[in-house]
Protein backbone atom coordinates (compact mmCIF):
# COMPACT_ATOMS: atom_id res chain seq x y z
CA MET A 1 -3.19 13.24 1.86
CA ARG A 2 0.05 11.64 0.83
CA PRO A 3 2.18 13.82 -1.51
CA VAL A 4 2.53 12.43 -4.95
CA LEU A 5 5.43 12.92 -7.48
CA VAL A 6 3.58 13.60 -10.74
CA ASP A 7 5.28 12.19 -13.84
CA THR A 8 5.73 14.00 -17.19
CA THR A 9 3.13 11.71 -18.83
CA VAL A 10 0.48 12.95 -16.44
CA TRP A 11 1.53 16.68 -16.91
CA ILE A 12 1.11 16.10 -20.80
CA ALA A 13 -2.31 14.67 -20.25
CA TRP A 14 -3.38 17.37 -17.99
CA PHE A 15 -2.22 20.05 -20.54
CA ARG A 16 -4.22 18.15 -23.26
CA GLY A 17 -7.25 17.93 -21.10
CA GLY A 18 -7.12 14.11 -21.04
CA ARG A 19 -7.95 11.60 -18.41
CA ALA A 20 -5.75 12.91 -15.71
CA SER A 21 -7.44 16.35 -15.21
CA ALA A 22 -9.82 15.62 -12.59
CA SER A 23 -7.54 13.54 -10.43
CA LEU A 24 -4.59 15.97 -11.02
CA GLY A 25 -6.77 18.87 -10.14
CA THR A 26 -7.51 17.28 -6.75
CA LEU A 27 -3.99 16.93 -6.10
CA LEU A 28 -3.19 20.58 -6.91
CA ARG A 29 -6.03 21.78 -4.62
CA ARG A 30 -5.01 19.81 -1.79
CA ARG A 31 -1.51 20.85 -2.36
CA ALA A 32 -0.28 17.28 -2.64
CA ALA A 33 1.16 17.47 -6.22
CA TYR A 34 4.96 17.39 -6.28
CA VAL A 35 7.48 17.93 -9.08
CA HIS A 36 10.85 16.94 -9.77
CA ALA A 37 13.72 18.90 -11.97
CA TRP A 38 13.94 16.23 -14.60
CA VAL A 39 10.22 16.33 -15.14
CA LEU A 40 10.22 19.97 -15.43
CA GLY A 41 13.33 19.42 -17.90
CA GLU A 42 11.45 17.03 -20.00
CA LEU A 43 8.45 19.65 -20.05
CA MET A 44 10.65 22.43 -21.14
CA LEU A 45 12.13 20.46 -23.89
CA GLY A 46 8.69 19.05 -25.23
CA ALA A 47 6.48 21.19 -27.59
CA GLY A 48 2.97 22.34 -26.69
CA VAL A 49 3.55 23.14 -23.04
CA PRO A 50 2.58 26.78 -22.71
CA ALA A 51 5.26 28.70 -20.99
CA ALA A 52 2.78 30.25 -18.52
CA HIS A 53 2.19 26.62 -17.15
CA LEU A 54 5.97 25.96 -16.84
CA ARG A 55 6.27 29.10 -14.62
CA ASP A 56 3.51 27.71 -12.54
CA LEU A 57 5.00 24.34 -12.02
CA VAL A 58 8.04 25.74 -10.79
CA LEU A 59 6.22 27.05 -7.80
CA LEU A 60 5.09 23.61 -6.62
CA PRO A 61 6.79 21.70 -3.94
CA ALA A 62 9.89 19.80 -5.73
CA LEU A 63 11.59 16.54 -4.69
CA ASP A 64 15.44 16.58 -4.44
CA THR A 65 17.48 14.62 -7.15
CA VAL A 66 19.56 11.74 -6.32
CA ASN A 67 23.13 11.44 -7.59
CA ASP A 68 24.34 8.86 -10.17
CA GLU A 69 25.68 6.60 -7.44
CA GLN A 70 22.55 6.48 -5.50
CA MET A 71 20.51 5.54 -8.56
CA SER A 72 22.95 2.83 -9.57
CA ARG A 73 22.56 1.35 -6.10
CA PHE A 74 18.81 1.86 -6.11
CA LEU A 75 18.84 0.05 -9.48
CA VAL A 76 20.82 -3.03 -8.36
CA GLU A 77 18.99 -3.14 -4.97
CA HIS A 78 15.60 -3.27 -6.53
CA ARG A 79 16.54 -5.31 -9.50
CA LEU A 80 15.21 -3.07 -12.10
CA ARG A 81 17.75 -3.70 -14.99
CA ALA A 82 15.79 -4.54 -18.13
CA SER A 83 12.45 -3.39 -16.59
CA GLY A 84 11.62 -1.17 -19.35
CA ILE A 85 12.15 2.01 -17.73
CA GLY A 86 14.51 4.88 -18.62
CA TRP A 87 17.17 6.71 -16.59
CA VAL A 88 14.71 9.59 -15.96
CA ASP A 89 12.19 7.04 -14.72
CA LEU A 90 14.77 5.62 -12.41
CA GLN A 91 15.66 9.07 -11.08
CA LEU A 92 12.00 9.58 -10.13
CA LEU A 93 11.69 6.26 -8.59
CA ALA A 94 14.82 6.69 -6.47
CA SER A 95 13.74 10.36 -5.40
CA ALA A 96 10.10 9.15 -4.51
CA HIS A 97 11.42 6.19 -2.84
CA ARG A 98 13.90 8.35 -0.88
CA ARG A 99 11.24 10.74 0.32
CA GLY A 100 8.54 8.22 0.87
CA VAL A 101 6.12 9.88 -1.54
CA ALA A 102 3.76 8.26 -4.10
CA LEU A 103 4.53 8.24 -7.82
CA TRP A 104 1.89 8.69 -10.45
CA SER A 105 2.69 7.89 -14.03
CA LEU A 106 0.56 6.97 -17.08
CA ASP A 107 3.60 4.88 -18.39
CA ARG A 108 2.80 1.17 -17.97
CA ALA A 109 6.59 0.24 -17.62
CA LEU A 110 7.15 2.71 -14.77
CA THR A 111 3.96 2.10 -12.96
CA ARG A 112 4.98 -1.57 -13.04
CA ALA A 113 8.58 -0.41 -11.53
CA THR A 114 6.81 1.74 -8.72
CA HIS A 115 4.76 -1.34 -7.66
CA ALA A 116 7.96 -3.68 -7.85
CA VAL A 117 9.68 -1.19 -5.31
CA ARG A 118 6.73 -1.12 -3.13
CA LEU A 119 6.23 2.61 -3.98
CA PRO A 120 2.58 3.78 -3.59
CA THR A 121 0.98 4.95 -6.81
CA TRP A 122 -1.61 7.65 -6.85
CA ALA A 123 -4.21 4.79 -7.78
CA THR A 124 -3.29 3.02 -4.42
CA SER A 125 -2.78 6.04 -2.29
CA PRO A 126 -4.98 7.38 0.29
CA ARG A 127 -7.30 10.15 -0.91
């Protein structure tokens, strides 16, 4: 199974028992769910994420961050300016693209950008 970088939106849905629960459970059981330091940071800053869950998340495999120069190059190369994504989203895209892993987000703009850079999403990844 292809590794999948899981975006903040999916983790939040998971903690709330939402629509991501079954699919994320599958990824976790198969040890295919990856985290990113910036996603962990967003979750730490947010309200409602139990500390015990955060401690568990840091044990998952993580993708490396890319530096600002690499992000800027990725932005230009893939024509993502004014695509509706933010700087954290760009970091996730560039990091996942660099490692060749799928990206799963419930954010529409980030999902569109994921398709635009020809990166697999969880929905199109082999299961």
